[in-house]
Amino acid sequence: MSENQNLLAEQRRALILDEVRRRGGVRVNELTRKLGVSDMTVRRDLDALARQGVLEKVHGGAVPVVEASTHEPGFEAKSGLELSAKEDIARAAAALAVPGTAIALSGGTTTYALAHHLLDVPDLTVVTNSVRVADVFHGAQRTSGQRPGAATVVLTGGVRTPSDSLVGPVADQAIAALHFDVLFLGVHGISLEAGLSTPNLAEAETNRRLVQSARRVVVVADHTKWGTVGLSSFASLDQVDTLVTDAGLPVEVRAEISEELRLVIAGEPSGTSTDN
């Protein structure tokens, strides 16, 4: 029962956040009618979302937080957002990993979710600049021992960012000397004009090296990343082969993106996939 309650709360908060972003603000009494829950439940949800830094409570309701292009949330702040979407995306993206290949995983909470699903893909060589992603694989080895087919993990060096990625000259040099079959890339923001972007200049350069070293680039990003633009762009959409996102991405945006790259909508019954 507690798991169902948590899932319902998560879904409800995602709806609230979407409503706030879409309308530029909502009132508590509007949300109680729309969601069919009590005033107290809505206020608790707004408190939780405010603690995560994704909206601002005002008298009688809430408004969106307008983030500066240089604002970089920490891993913990992002880890509680869009959990169901990230899990759907991770499951769909893991199906794109071929046993026995060399892959790279960037930092981020979506790639962290993906790492858990990749534990079942045999004989991978995994290069990552994410401390959290490396911990997933190392933790599995500590728990179950060195089982046959377990991934070989290479963690780059570098300077740690708020999102627990390793960036800077040490990471860049290590990545530049390697070649990956597929890069699974998490992003801060994605748009037609700015492409892929991040608020961290050093991370932008490291991500640029990751893209350059990959034969194929798969971006894993939930729908809230669309339209977000960070301080520094590091890749254009024509450098991306596949975008794996969730069902929250608006239909009109899907049409725009599918002209540029292959689009996989995770979590839909049909497992929607469009080729550019």
Foldseek 3Di string as FASTA:
>chain_A
DVVVVVVVLQVLLLVQLVVQVVVQWDFLVVSCVVVVDDSVSSVVSVVVVVVLVQWADDVRTIGGDDDDLLDDAAQVSPLSHPVVFLLLLLQVVLVVDAAQFEEEEEFHNSSLSNLLVVQPRFNYAYEYQAPSSVCNLVVVCVVPNDDHRRYHYHHFAADQDSHRGHFDDRLLVVLLVAAGAEYEYEAQAAEQVQGGAHSDPRVLSSVLSNLVRYPAYEYEYEQVRYPRHHPHRNDHLLSHAEYEYEPVHDPVVVVVSQVRHWYFHGPDPVRDIGGD
